[in-house]
Amino acid sequence: MDELTERQKLILSLVVRDYIETAQPVGSKNLIERCKLKMSSATIRNEMAALTEAGYLRQPHTSAGRVPTEEGYRYFVTHFVYQTDLPDATRNTISHQFYQARQDVEQWMHLAASILAHQSRAASLITAPHTERARYKHLELISTQGRQVLMVLVLVGGEVSQQILTLAEPVSQEQLSNAANRLNEVCQSRTTEELASLNPSGDALEKDILTLVLQDMNRGEQRASGEIYLDGLTNVLSEPEFIESDDARRAIRLFEERTLLQDLLARTMVNSHVGGVQVLIGGEGEWQELRQCSVVLARYGIPGAATGALGVFGPMRMSYARTIPTVRFMADLLSGLVSETMVGDES
């Protein structure tokens, strides 16, 4: 079937919405009674049979009604809900929650994960803003005990890393501070490539510290994303599809094994534009762990400075009409916060 008729579009939309709401196969009588359709049962059955033959619906049992297929959900998302917006009241409530919070990135991440899980009634994930190209901002070297030194590196965009160094011999705090000050002067706002070409005129300590700084920045650039925050997994496990099922265990595995989650984010977000929403239905043939699931993802932040990803994970029967606009709005809101507080002074 190349193109659906208006009546078939209506029936497909109603079947998907009814199944999302009830988790029960939808029959012609259900549609007539619940949706007040002015059609005969025979007409609806014929159209549902045509939609089944076209691959948009399926019939779990001979005597049962129909349920959407992956293609049915994709058609529904593309044609009926992708461009919908959140109600103004919901947008205002979410914005108010954020602007009441302290200007603290970690608090924003926890709050965003909580709001996404609550609004979608599914599981949420969000990654902290991550610099796409590491750029040096500030270094502190603090003597702790003996030959041990705490190195604190701050990057443009706000990322901070800390590590304990063990030097070949004890060095005074004054020497450490002088070395950090000299490096801060020559390294300010430089990328890893620019730092690698430097040949500091200072002593061996400065050269050793610069080597460690470069290694730290390179590791940061190789990470697919920042720290991952999760919320609402119990929402998913309480859905009928996941109660005592292998699908539930596979879904939990995706969340527990961060390498799988990192792979999902890296492969779906790498070419996405900020604010754009991607909907993965049934794992799209690539992720077996998501065979009975859907994921709605978006990228947020400022390209070239700091970006992250956020999304919602749930059964294929998730409420796309509520989830997609929520994810899109949250991505826009977080992009604004990143712009105002993390890169505003650098732009």
C-alpha atoms as a PDB file:
ATOM      1  CA  MET A   1       0.000   0.000   0.000  1.00  0.00           C
ATOM      2  CA  ASP A   2       1.785   3.150  -1.231  1.00  0.00           C
ATOM      3  CA  GLU A   3      -0.503   5.743   0.359  1.00  0.00           C
ATOM      4  CA  LEU A   4      -3.157   5.435   3.010  1.00  0.00           C
ATOM      5  CA  THR A   5      -6.601   6.859   2.479  1.00  0.00           C
ATOM      6  CA  GLU A   6      -7.878   9.446   4.933  1.00  0.00           C
ATOM      7  CA  ARG A   7     -10.136   6.823   6.493  1.00  0.00           C
ATOM      8  CA  GLN A   8      -7.233   4.385   6.889  1.00  0.00           C
ATOM      9  CA  LYS A   9      -5.109   7.115   8.464  1.00  0.00           C
ATOM     10  CA  LEU A  10      -7.896   7.834  10.932  1.00  0.00           C
ATOM     11  CA  ILE A  11      -8.363   4.175  11.844  1.00  0.00           C
ATOM     12  CA  LEU A  12      -4.614   3.576  12.198  1.00  0.00           C
ATOM     13  CA  SER A  13      -4.289   6.627  14.446  1.00  0.00           C
ATOM     14  CA  LEU A  14      -7.194   5.510  16.613  1.00  0.00           C
ATOM     15  CA  VAL A  15      -5.897   1.942  16.897  1.00  0.00           C
ATOM     16  CA  VAL A  16      -2.454   3.164  17.975  1.00  0.00           C
ATOM     17  CA  ARG A  17      -3.877   5.626  20.505  1.00  0.00           C
ATOM     18  CA  ASP A  18      -6.279   3.021  21.931  1.00  0.00           C
ATOM     19  CA  TYR A  19      -3.565   0.387  22.222  1.00  0.00           C
ATOM     20  CA  ILE A  20      -1.182   2.845  23.898  1.00  0.00           C
ATOM     21  CA  GLU A  21      -3.888   3.594  26.447  1.00  0.00           C
ATOM     22  CA  THR A  22      -5.147   0.053  27.161  1.00  0.00           C
ATOM     23  CA  ALA A  23      -2.395  -2.389  26.111  1.00  0.00           C
ATOM     24  CA  GLN A  24      -5.212  -4.559  24.715  1.00  0.00           C
ATOM     25  CA  PRO A  25      -5.778  -5.589  21.068  1.00  0.00           C
ATOM     26  CA  VAL A  26      -8.230  -3.220  19.396  1.00  0.00           C
ATOM     27  CA  GLY A  27     -11.317  -4.512  17.595  1.00  0.00           C
ATOM     28  CA  SER A  28     -13.879  -2.749  15.411  1.00  0.00           C
ATOM     29  CA  LYS A  29     -16.462  -2.644  18.216  1.00  0.00           C
ATOM     30  CA  ASN A  30     -13.903  -0.976  20.520  1.00  0.00           C
ATOM     31  CA  LEU A  31     -13.389   1.827  18.032  1.00  0.00           C
ATOM     32  CA  ILE A  32     -17.099   2.386  17.430  1.00  0.00           C
ATOM     33  CA  GLU A  33     -17.924   2.479  21.145  1.00  0.00           C
ATOM     34  CA  ARG A  34     -14.946   4.513  22.379  1.00  0.00           C
ATOM     35  CA  CYS A  35     -14.474   6.862  19.439  1.00  0.00           C
ATOM     36  CA  LYS A  36     -18.110   7.275  18.357  1.00  0.00           C
ATOM     37  CA  LEU A  37     -17.233   6.418  14.765  1.00  0.00           C
ATOM     38  CA  LYS A  38     -20.008   6.729  12.223  1.00  0.00           C
ATOM     39  CA  MET A  39     -18.972   3.618  10.313  1.00  0.00           C
ATOM     40  CA  SER A  40     -20.183   0.057  10.328  1.00  0.00           C
ATOM     41  CA  SER A  41     -18.177  -2.699  11.992  1.00  0.00           C
ATOM     42  CA  ALA A  42     -17.771  -4.340   8.588  1.00  0.00           C
ATOM     43  CA  THR A  43     -16.208  -1.199   7.096  1.00  0.00           C
ATOM     44  CA  ILE A  44     -13.776  -0.855   9.986  1.00  0.00           C
ATOM     45  CA  ARG A  45     -12.854  -4.555   9.814  1.00  0.00           C
ATOM     46  CA  ASN A  46     -12.148  -4.249   6.102  1.00  0.00           C
ATOM     47  CA  GLU A  47      -9.907  -1.227   6.616  1.00  0.00           C
ATOM     48  CA  MET A  48      -8.107  -2.910   9.519  1.00  0.00           C
ATOM     49  CA  ALA A  49      -7.542  -5.963   7.309  1.00  0.00           C
ATOM     50  CA  ALA A  50      -6.062  -3.698   4.617  1.00  0.00           C
ATOM     51  CA  LEU A  51      -3.795  -2.027   7.187  1.00  0.00           C
ATOM     52  CA  THR A  52      -2.730  -5.468   8.399  1.00  0.00           C
ATOM     53  CA  GLU A  53      -1.896  -6.587   4.871  1.00  0.00           C
ATOM     54  CA  ALA A  54       0.117  -3.384   4.379  1.00  0.00           C
ATOM     55  CA  GLY A  55       2.166  -4.131   7.511  1.00  0.00           C
ATOM     56  CA  TYR A  56       0.878  -1.376   9.821  1.00  0.00           C
ATOM     57  CA  LEU A  57      -1.192  -3.646  12.087  1.00  0.00           C
ATOM     58  CA  ARG A  58      -1.004  -7.258  13.172  1.00  0.00           C
ATOM     59  CA  GLN A  59      -3.410  -9.719  14.742  1.00  0.00           C
ATOM     60  CA  PRO A  60      -1.902 -11.543  17.762  1.00  0.00           C
ATOM     61  CA  HIS A  61      -4.576 -14.278  17.645  1.00  0.00           C
ATOM     62  CA  THR A  62      -7.195 -15.237  15.101  1.00  0.00           C
ATOM     63  CA  SER A  63     -10.086 -14.061  17.251  1.00  0.00           C
ATOM     64  CA  ALA A  64      -8.289 -11.012  18.680  1.00  0.00           C
ATOM     65  CA  GLY A  65      -8.315  -7.412  17.576  1.00  0.00           C
ATOM     66  CA  ARG A  66      -5.320  -5.652  16.051  1.00  0.00           C
ATOM     67  CA  VAL A  67      -2.188  -4.095  17.535  1.00  0.00           C
ATOM     68  CA  PRO A  68       0.284  -1.735  15.841  1.00  0.00           C
ATOM     69  CA  THR A  69       3.471  -3.066  14.248  1.00  0.00           C
ATOM     70  CA  GLU A  70       6.776  -1.202  14.268  1.00  0.00           C
ATOM     71  CA  GLU A  71       5.826   0.276  10.895  1.00  0.00           C
ATOM     72  CA  GLY A  72       2.466   1.291  12.298  1.00  0.00           C
ATOM     73  CA  TYR A  73       4.127   3.160  15.154  1.00  0.00           C
ATOM     74  CA  ARG A  74       6.580   4.812  12.751  1.00  0.00           C
ATOM     75  CA  TYR A  75       3.750   6.033  10.539  1.00  0.00           C
ATOM     76  CA  PHE A  76       1.882   7.305  13.583  1.00  0.00           C
ATOM     77  CA  VAL A  77       4.928   9.179  14.902  1.00  0.00           C
ATOM     78  CA  THR A  78       5.824  10.706  11.532  1.00  0.00           C
ATOM     79  CA  HIS A  79       2.346  11.774  10.451  1.00  0.00           C
ATOM     80  CA  PHE A  80       0.457  12.476  13.670  1.00  0.00           C
ATOM     81  CA  VAL A  81       2.646  13.509  16.603  1.00  0.00           C
ATOM     82  CA  TYR A  82       6.194  14.436  15.556  1.00  0.00           C
ATOM     83  CA  GLN A  83       5.548  18.185  15.270  1.00  0.00           C
ATOM     84  CA  THR A  84       3.187  18.539  18.212  1.00  0.00           C
ATOM     85  CA  ASP A  85       4.052  20.945  21.059  1.00  0.00           C
ATOM     86  CA  LEU A  86       3.666  20.736  24.813  1.00  0.00           C
ATOM     87  CA  PRO A  87       0.714  22.637  26.292  1.00  0.00           C
ATOM     88  CA  ASP A  88       1.702  26.107  27.508  1.00  0.00           C
ATOM     89  CA  ALA A  89       0.822  25.231  31.103  1.00  0.00           C
ATOM     90  CA  THR A  90       3.218  22.255  31.085  1.00  0.00           C
ATOM     91  CA  ARG A  91       5.992  24.314  29.483  1.00  0.00           C
ATOM     92  CA  ASN A  92       5.593  27.040  32.111  1.00  0.00           C
ATOM     93  CA  THR A  93       5.652  24.514  34.968  1.00  0.00           C
ATOM     94  CA  ILE A  94       8.857  22.888  33.730  1.00  0.00           C
ATOM     95  CA  SER A  95      10.569  26.241  33.120  1.00  0.00           C
ATOM     96  CA  HIS A  96       9.608  27.412  36.612  1.00  0.00           C
ATOM     97  CA  GLN A  97      11.145  24.290  38.162  1.00  0.00           C
ATOM     98  CA  PHE A  98      14.451  24.942  36.430  1.00  0.00           C
ATOM     99  CA  TYR A  99      14.690  28.613  37.184  1.00  0.00           C
ATOM    100  CA  GLN A 100      13.995  27.904  40.854  1.00  0.00           C
ATOM    101  CA  ALA A 101      16.990  25.552  40.937  1.00  0.00           C
ATOM    102  CA  ARG A 102      20.491  26.696  41.745  1.00  0.00           C
ATOM    103  CA  GLN A 103      22.773  27.349  38.785  1.00  0.00           C
ATOM    104  CA  ASP A 104      24.454  24.003  39.234  1.00  0.00           C
ATOM    105  CA  VAL A 105      24.900  21.595  36.325  1.00  0.00           C
ATOM    106  CA  GLU A 106      24.571  18.445  38.422  1.00  0.00           C
ATOM    107  CA  GLN A 107      21.308  19.683  39.943  1.00  0.00           C
ATOM    108  CA  TRP A 108      20.000  20.445  36.449  1.00  0.00           C
ATOM    109  CA  MET A 109      20.824  16.907  35.313  1.00  0.00           C
ATOM    110  CA  HIS A 110      18.978  15.287  38.224  1.00  0.00           C
ATOM    111  CA  LEU A 111      16.038  17.645  37.750  1.00  0.00           C
ATOM    112  CA  ALA A 112      15.880  17.053  33.985  1.00  0.00           C
ATOM    113  CA  ALA A 113      15.934  13.272  34.464  1.00  0.00           C
ATOM    114  CA  SER A 114      13.181  13.485  37.085  1.00  0.00           C
ATOM    115  CA  ILE A 115      10.952  15.734  34.953  1.00  0.00           C
ATOM    116  CA  LEU A 116      11.390  13.592  31.836  1.00  0.00           C
ATOM    117  CA  ALA A 117      10.516  10.418  33.738  1.00  0.00           C
ATOM    118  CA  HIS A 118       7.469  12.043  35.343  1.00  0.00           C
ATOM    119  CA  GLN A 119       6.117  13.658  32.163  1.00  0.00           C
ATOM    120  CA  SER A 120       6.629  10.600  29.954  1.00  0.00           C
ATOM    121  CA  ARG A 121       5.780   8.012  32.640  1.00  0.00           C
ATOM    122  CA  ALA A 122       8.758   6.053  31.362  1.00  0.00           C
ATOM    123  CA  ALA A 123      12.507   5.877  32.055  1.00  0.00           C
ATOM    124  CA  SER A 124      14.710   8.870  31.329  1.00  0.00           C
ATOM    125  CA  LEU A 125      18.377   9.339  30.615  1.00  0.00           C
ATOM    126  CA  ILE A 126      20.451  12.480  30.302  1.00  0.00           C
ATOM    127  CA  THR A 127      24.156  13.085  29.834  1.00  0.00           C
ATOM    128  CA  ALA A 128      25.965  16.030  31.324  1.00  0.00           C
ATOM    129  CA  PRO A 129      27.190  18.678  28.848  1.00  0.00           C
ATOM    130  CA  HIS A 130      30.406  17.476  27.283  1.00  0.00           C
ATOM    131  CA  THR A 131      33.014  19.508  25.384  1.00  0.00           C
ATOM    132  CA  GLU A 132      33.264  18.261  21.817  1.00  0.00           C
ATOM    133  CA  ARG A 133      36.744  19.736  21.483  1.00  0.00           C
ATOM    134  CA  ALA A 134      38.661  20.115  24.724  1.00  0.00           C
ATOM    135  CA  ARG A 135      40.041  23.611  25.289  1.00  0.00           C
ATOM    136  CA  TYR A 136      42.252  24.520  28.256  1.00  0.00           C
ATOM    137  CA  LYS A 137      40.985  27.075  30.769  1.00  0.00           C
ATOM    138  CA  HIS A 138      42.709  26.749  34.161  1.00  0.00           C
ATOM    139  CA  LEU A 139      45.006  24.459  36.147  1.00  0.00           C
ATOM    140  CA  GLU A 140      45.580  24.079  39.886  1.00  0.00           C
ATOM    141  CA  LEU A 141      48.325  21.961  41.470  1.00  0.00           C
ATOM    142  CA  ILE A 142      47.886  21.269  45.192  1.00  0.00           C
ATOM    143  CA  SER A 143      50.411  19.466  47.361  1.00  0.00           C
ATOM    144  CA  THR A 144      48.701  16.820  49.511  1.00  0.00           C
ATOM    145  CA  GLN A 145      51.285  14.616  51.243  1.00  0.00           C
ATOM    146  CA  GLY A 146      54.779  13.461  50.428  1.00  0.00           C
ATOM    147  CA  ARG A 147      55.204  13.217  46.652  1.00  0.00           C
ATOM    148  CA  GLN A 148      51.454  13.260  45.964  1.00  0.00           C
ATOM    149  CA  VAL A 149      49.858  16.221  44.178  1.00  0.00           C
ATOM    150  CA  LEU A 150      46.205  16.900  43.318  1.00  0.00           C
ATOM    151  CA  MET A 151      45.851  18.189  39.749  1.00  0.00           C
ATOM    152  CA  VAL A 152      42.594  20.053  39.021  1.00  0.00           C
ATOM    153  CA  LEU A 153      42.017  20.870  35.344  1.00  0.00           C
ATOM    154  CA  VAL A 154      39.177  23.132  34.207  1.00  0.00           C
ATOM    155  CA  LEU A 155      38.173  23.219  30.527  1.00  0.00           C
ATOM    156  CA  VAL A 156      36.331  25.884  28.575  1.00  0.00           C
ATOM    157  CA  GLY A 157      32.674  24.903  28.869  1.00  0.00           C
ATOM    158  CA  GLY A 158      32.907  24.003  32.553  1.00  0.00           C
ATOM    159  CA  GLU A 159      34.165  20.412  32.670  1.00  0.00           C
ATOM    160  CA  VAL A 160      36.436  19.742  35.631  1.00  0.00           C
ATOM    161  CA  SER A 161      38.715  16.746  36.136  1.00  0.00           C
ATOM    162  CA  GLN A 162      40.783  15.832  39.165  1.00  0.00           C
ATOM    163  CA  GLN A 163      43.534  13.282  39.592  1.00  0.00           C
ATOM    164  CA  ILE A 164      46.237  12.469  42.118  1.00  0.00           C
ATOM    165  CA  LEU A 165      49.781  12.541  40.730  1.00  0.00           C
ATOM    166  CA  THR A 166      52.790  10.891  42.330  1.00  0.00           C
ATOM    167  CA  LEU A 167      55.933  12.865  41.487  1.00  0.00           C
ATOM    168  CA  ALA A 168      59.463  11.468  41.316  1.00  0.00           C
ATOM    169  CA  GLU A 169      60.458  13.661  44.293  1.00  0.00           C
ATOM    170  CA  PRO A 170      58.732  16.011  46.741  1.00  0.00           C
ATOM    171  CA  VAL A 171      57.963  19.503  45.392  1.00  0.00           C
ATOM    172  CA  SER A 172      56.949  22.513  47.485  1.00  0.00           C
ATOM    173  CA  GLN A 173      53.556  24.172  47.121  1.00  0.00           C
ATOM    174  CA  GLU A 174      55.311  27.341  45.931  1.00  0.00           C
ATOM    175  CA  GLN A 175      56.976  25.447  43.075  1.00  0.00           C
ATOM    176  CA  LEU A 176      53.673  23.805  42.157  1.00  0.00           C
ATOM    177  CA  SER A 177      51.819  27.134  42.145  1.00  0.00           C
ATOM    178  CA  ASN A 178      54.510  28.788  40.030  1.00  0.00           C
ATOM    179  CA  ALA A 179      54.395  25.943  37.504  1.00  0.00           C
ATOM    180  CA  ALA A 180      50.582  26.111  37.317  1.00  0.00           C
ATOM    181  CA  ASN A 181      50.653  29.901  36.873  1.00  0.00           C
ATOM    182  CA  ARG A 182      53.160  29.705  34.017  1.00  0.00           C
ATOM    183  CA  LEU A 183      51.133  26.984  32.283  1.00  0.00           C
ATOM    184  CA  ASN A 184      47.929  29.005  32.726  1.00  0.00           C
ATOM    185  CA  GLU A 185      49.599  31.918  30.956  1.00  0.00           C
ATOM    186  CA  VAL A 186      50.778  29.988  27.892  1.00  0.00           C
ATOM    187  CA  CYS A 187      47.956  27.413  27.616  1.00  0.00           C
ATOM    188  CA  GLN A 188      44.869  29.636  28.003  1.00  0.00           C
ATOM    189  CA  SER A 189      42.077  28.636  25.549  1.00  0.00           C
ATOM    190  CA  ARG A 190      44.345  26.293  23.570  1.00  0.00           C
ATOM    191  CA  THR A 191      43.113  23.006  22.072  1.00  0.00           C
ATOM    192  CA  THR A 192      44.886  19.658  22.453  1.00  0.00           C
ATOM    193  CA  GLU A 193      46.513  20.116  19.029  1.00  0.00           C
ATOM    194  CA  GLU A 194      47.808  23.549  19.991  1.00  0.00           C
ATOM    195  CA  LEU A 195      49.114  22.322  23.348  1.00  0.00           C
ATOM    196  CA  ALA A 196      50.906  19.387  21.727  1.00  0.00           C
ATOM    197  CA  SER A 197      52.933  21.822  19.613  1.00  0.00           C
ATOM    198  CA  LEU A 198      54.063  23.856  22.629  1.00  0.00           C
ATOM    199  CA  ASN A 199      57.581  23.539  23.967  1.00  0.00           C
ATOM    200  CA  PRO A 200      57.496  25.242  27.376  1.00  0.00           C
ATOM    201  CA  SER A 201      60.758  26.871  28.368  1.00  0.00           C
ATOM    202  CA  GLY A 202      60.281  26.003  32.027  1.00  0.00           C
ATOM    203  CA  ASP A 203      61.728  23.128  34.016  1.00  0.00           C
ATOM    204  CA  ALA A 204      61.037  19.422  33.772  1.00  0.00           C
ATOM    205  CA  LEU A 205      58.102  19.717  36.190  1.00  0.00           C
ATOM    206  CA  GLU A 206      56.175  21.992  33.800  1.00  0.00           C
ATOM    207  CA  LYS A 207      56.853  19.698  30.858  1.00  0.00           C
ATOM    208  CA  ASP A 208      55.708  16.645  32.822  1.00  0.00           C
ATOM    209  CA  ILE A 209      52.535  18.409  33.990  1.00  0.00           C
ATOM    210  CA  LEU A 210      51.751  19.580  30.448  1.00  0.00           C
ATOM    211  CA  THR A 211      52.067  15.984  29.226  1.00  0.00           C
ATOM    212  CA  LEU A 212      49.576  14.851  31.887  1.00  0.00           C
ATOM    213  CA  VAL A 213      47.201  17.701  30.998  1.00  0.00           C
ATOM    214  CA  LEU A 214      47.284  16.661  27.345  1.00  0.00           C
ATOM    215  CA  GLN A 215      46.559  13.041  28.241  1.00  0.00           C
ATOM    216  CA  ASP A 216      43.603  14.129  30.387  1.00  0.00           C
ATOM    217  CA  MET A 217      42.177  16.347  27.645  1.00  0.00           C
ATOM    218  CA  ASN A 218      42.577  13.624  25.023  1.00  0.00           C
ATOM    219  CA  ARG A 219      40.714  11.133  27.220  1.00  0.00           C
ATOM    220  CA  GLY A 220      37.906  13.670  27.600  1.00  0.00           C
ATOM    221  CA  GLU A 221      37.598  14.150  23.848  1.00  0.00           C
ATOM    222  CA  GLN A 222      37.391  10.395  23.284  1.00  0.00           C
ATOM    223  CA  ARG A 223      34.420   9.971  25.601  1.00  0.00           C
ATOM    224  CA  ALA A 224      31.107   9.811  23.709  1.00  0.00           C
ATOM    225  CA  SER A 225      29.334  11.791  26.411  1.00  0.00           C
ATOM    226  CA  GLY A 226      29.507  13.186  29.909  1.00  0.00           C
ATOM    227  CA  GLU A 227      28.220  11.472  33.039  1.00  0.00           C
ATOM    228  CA  ILE A 228      24.874   9.686  32.540  1.00  0.00           C
ATOM    229  CA  TYR A 229      21.901  10.340  34.842  1.00  0.00           C
ATOM    230  CA  LEU A 230      18.943   7.925  34.922  1.00  0.00           C
ATOM    231  CA  ASP A 231      15.473   8.025  36.439  1.00  0.00           C
ATOM    232  CA  GLY A 232      12.112   6.249  36.227  1.00  0.00           C
ATOM    233  CA  LEU A 233      13.164   2.694  35.407  1.00  0.00           C
ATOM    234  CA  THR A 234      10.386   1.406  37.679  1.00  0.00           C
ATOM    235  CA  ASN A 235       7.888   3.128  35.361  1.00  0.00           C
ATOM    236  CA  VAL A 236       9.004   0.834  32.547  1.00  0.00           C
ATOM    237  CA  LEU A 237       9.160  -2.359  34.582  1.00  0.00           C
ATOM    238  CA  SER A 238       5.569  -1.878  35.739  1.00  0.00           C
ATOM    239  CA  GLU A 239       4.235  -1.905  32.152  1.00  0.00           C
ATOM    240  CA  PRO A 240       2.377  -5.085  31.080  1.00  0.00           C
ATOM    241  CA  GLU A 241       4.955  -5.884  28.378  1.00  0.00           C
ATOM    242  CA  PHE A 242       7.795  -6.096  30.878  1.00  0.00           C
ATOM    243  CA  ILE A 243       6.290  -7.866  33.873  1.00  0.00           C
ATOM    244  CA  GLU A 244       8.315 -11.051  34.408  1.00  0.00           C
ATOM    245  CA  SER A 245       9.590 -11.076  30.828  1.00  0.00           C
ATOM    246  CA  ASP A 246      12.932 -11.539  29.095  1.00  0.00           C
ATOM    247  CA  ASP A 247      12.358  -8.166  27.460  1.00  0.00           C
ATOM    248  CA  ALA A 248      12.509  -6.529  30.878  1.00  0.00           C
ATOM    249  CA  ARG A 249      15.835  -8.187  31.670  1.00  0.00           C
ATOM    250  CA  ARG A 250      17.250  -7.082  28.327  1.00  0.00           C
ATOM    251  CA  ALA A 251      16.045  -3.540  28.962  1.00  0.00           C
ATOM    252  CA  ILE A 252      17.644  -3.462  32.418  1.00  0.00           C
ATOM    253  CA  ARG A 253      20.890  -4.757  30.910  1.00  0.00           C
ATOM    254  CA  LEU A 254      20.985  -1.765  28.578  1.00  0.00           C
ATOM    255  CA  PHE A 255      20.815   0.584  31.565  1.00  0.00           C
ATOM    256  CA  GLU A 256      23.205  -1.388  33.766  1.00  0.00           C
ATOM    257  CA  GLU A 257      25.935  -1.853  31.157  1.00  0.00           C
ATOM    258  CA  ARG A 258      26.983   1.700  30.399  1.00  0.00           C
ATOM    259  CA  THR A 259      29.047   0.618  27.393  1.00  0.00           C
ATOM    260  CA  LEU A 260      25.815  -0.381  25.621  1.00  0.00           C
ATOM    261  CA  LEU A 261      24.234   2.940  26.521  1.00  0.00           C
ATOM    262  CA  GLN A 262      27.323   4.835  25.377  1.00  0.00           C
ATOM    263  CA  ASP A 263      27.254   2.918  22.074  1.00  0.00           C
ATOM    264  CA  LEU A 264      23.582   3.776  21.567  1.00  0.00           C
ATOM    265  CA  LEU A 265      24.209   7.467  22.229  1.00  0.00           C
ATOM    266  CA  ALA A 266      27.376   7.630  20.144  1.00  0.00           C
ATOM    267  CA  ARG A 267      25.793   5.998  17.098  1.00  0.00           C
ATOM    268  CA  THR A 268      22.524   7.934  17.207  1.00  0.00           C
ATOM    269  CA  MET A 269      23.721  11.368  18.331  1.00  0.00           C
ATOM    270  CA  VAL A 270      26.941  11.773  16.330  1.00  0.00           C
ATOM    271  CA  ASN A 271      25.267  13.291  13.265  1.00  0.00           C
ATOM    272  CA  SER A 272      22.220  14.790  14.933  1.00  0.00           C
ATOM    273  CA  HIS A 273      21.673  18.538  15.192  1.00  0.00           C
ATOM    274  CA  VAL A 274      20.960  20.265  18.486  1.00  0.00           C
ATOM    275  CA  GLY A 275      17.234  20.222  19.267  1.00  0.00           C
ATOM    276  CA  GLY A 276      16.448  17.543  16.707  1.00  0.00           C
ATOM    277  CA  VAL A 277      14.455  14.581  18.018  1.00  0.00           C
ATOM    278  CA  GLN A 278      15.192  11.001  16.975  1.00  0.00           C
ATOM    279  CA  VAL A 279      12.752   8.163  17.601  1.00  0.00           C
ATOM    280  CA  LEU A 280      14.134   4.600  17.647  1.00  0.00           C
ATOM    281  CA  ILE A 281      11.386   1.980  17.467  1.00  0.00           C
ATOM    282  CA  GLY A 282      12.083  -1.687  18.189  1.00  0.00           C
ATOM    283  CA  GLY A 283      15.835  -1.147  18.205  1.00  0.00           C
ATOM    284  CA  GLU A 284      15.719  -0.348  14.472  1.00  0.00           C
ATOM    285  CA  GLY A 285      17.176  -3.792  13.810  1.00  0.00           C
ATOM    286  CA  GLU A 286      20.482  -2.890  15.508  1.00  0.00           C
ATOM    287  CA  TRP A 287      19.921  -3.252  19.258  1.00  0.00           C
ATOM    288  CA  GLN A 288      18.388  -6.549  20.360  1.00  0.00           C
ATOM    289  CA  GLU A 289      18.003  -5.173  23.884  1.00  0.00           C
ATOM    290  CA  LEU A 290      15.442  -2.711  22.480  1.00  0.00           C
ATOM    291  CA  ARG A 291      13.409  -5.206  20.465  1.00  0.00           C
ATOM    292  CA  GLN A 292      10.182  -4.408  22.322  1.00  0.00           C
ATOM    293  CA  CYS A 293      11.096  -0.839  23.198  1.00  0.00           C
ATOM    294  CA  SER A 294      11.222   2.683  21.840  1.00  0.00           C
ATOM    295  CA  VAL A 295      13.707   5.437  22.626  1.00  0.00           C
ATOM    296  CA  VAL A 296      13.150   9.153  22.002  1.00  0.00           C
ATOM    297  CA  LEU A 297      16.440  11.080  21.979  1.00  0.00           C
ATOM    298  CA  ALA A 298      17.578  14.662  21.423  1.00  0.00           C
ATOM    299  CA  ARG A 299      20.845  16.553  21.560  1.00  0.00           C
ATOM    300  CA  TYR A 300      21.151  19.802  23.501  1.00  0.00           C
ATOM    301  CA  GLY A 301      23.791  22.445  24.125  1.00  0.00           C
ATOM    302  CA  ILE A 302      25.974  24.679  21.975  1.00  0.00           C
ATOM    303  CA  PRO A 303      27.754  23.021  19.004  1.00  0.00           C
ATOM    304  CA  GLY A 304      31.494  23.451  19.179  1.00  0.00           C
ATOM    305  CA  ALA A 305      31.386  24.235  22.901  1.00  0.00           C
ATOM    306  CA  ALA A 306      29.406  21.838  25.102  1.00  0.00           C
ATOM    307  CA  THR A 307      26.619  19.421  24.198  1.00  0.00           C
ATOM    308  CA  GLY A 308      24.781  16.526  25.805  1.00  0.00           C
ATOM    309  CA  ALA A 309      21.943  14.137  25.079  1.00  0.00           C
ATOM    310  CA  LEU A 310      18.640  13.446  26.762  1.00  0.00           C
ATOM    311  CA  GLY A 311      15.927  10.946  26.109  1.00  0.00           C
ATOM    312  CA  VAL A 312      13.130   8.686  27.203  1.00  0.00           C
ATOM    313  CA  PHE A 313      13.088   4.898  27.098  1.00  0.00           C
ATOM    314  CA  GLY A 314       9.946   2.791  27.348  1.00  0.00           C
ATOM    315  CA  PRO A 315       7.788   0.136  25.741  1.00  0.00           C
ATOM    316  CA  MET A 316       7.018   0.457  22.048  1.00  0.00           C
ATOM    317  CA  ARG A 317       3.539   1.314  23.306  1.00  0.00           C
ATOM    318  CA  MET A 318       4.788   4.567  24.885  1.00  0.00           C
ATOM    319  CA  SER A 319       2.817   7.806  24.628  1.00  0.00           C
ATOM    320  CA  TYR A 320       4.679   9.448  21.750  1.00  0.00           C
ATOM    321  CA  ALA A 321       2.264  12.388  21.732  1.00  0.00           C
ATOM    322  CA  ARG A 322       3.414  13.296  25.243  1.00  0.00           C
ATOM    323  CA  THR A 323       7.035  12.133  25.089  1.00  0.00           C
ATOM    324  CA  ILE A 324       8.277  13.683  21.825  1.00  0.00           C
ATOM    325  CA  PRO A 325       7.289  17.292  22.608  1.00  0.00           C
ATOM    326  CA  THR A 326       8.588  16.898  26.171  1.00  0.00           C
ATOM    327  CA  VAL A 327      12.002  15.747  24.950  1.00  0.00           C
ATOM    328  CA  ARG A 328      12.128  18.537  22.342  1.00  0.00           C
ATOM    329  CA  PHE A 329      11.169  21.226  24.873  1.00  0.00           C
ATOM    330  CA  MET A 330      13.664  19.973  27.461  1.00  0.00           C
ATOM    331  CA  ALA A 331      16.448  19.970  24.854  1.00  0.00           C
ATOM    332  CA  ASP A 332      15.663  23.589  23.965  1.00  0.00           C
ATOM    333  CA  LEU A 333      15.486  24.609  27.626  1.00  0.00           C
ATOM    334  CA  LEU A 334      18.818  22.967  28.508  1.00  0.00           C
ATOM    335  CA  SER A 335      20.463  24.474  25.423  1.00  0.00           C
ATOM    336  CA  GLY A 336      19.454  27.885  26.735  1.00  0.00           C
ATOM    337  CA  LEU A 337      20.866  27.131  30.180  1.00  0.00           C
ATOM    338  CA  VAL A 338      24.166  25.910  28.729  1.00  0.00           C
ATOM    339  CA  SER A 339      24.396  29.055  26.598  1.00  0.00           C
ATOM    340  CA  GLU A 340      23.661  31.397  29.499  1.00  0.00           C
ATOM    341  CA  THR A 341      25.805  29.867  32.205  1.00  0.00           C
ATOM    342  CA  MET A 342      28.523  27.685  30.684  1.00  0.00           C
ATOM    343  CA  VAL A 343      29.674  29.308  27.465  1.00  0.00           C
ATOM    344  CA  GLY A 344      28.189  32.785  27.667  1.00  0.00           C
ATOM    345  CA  ASP A 345      31.411  34.288  28.962  1.00  0.00           C
ATOM    346  CA  GLU A 346      33.403  32.576  26.224  1.00  0.00           C
ATOM    347  CA  SER A 347      31.281  33.603  23.258  1.00  0.00           C
END
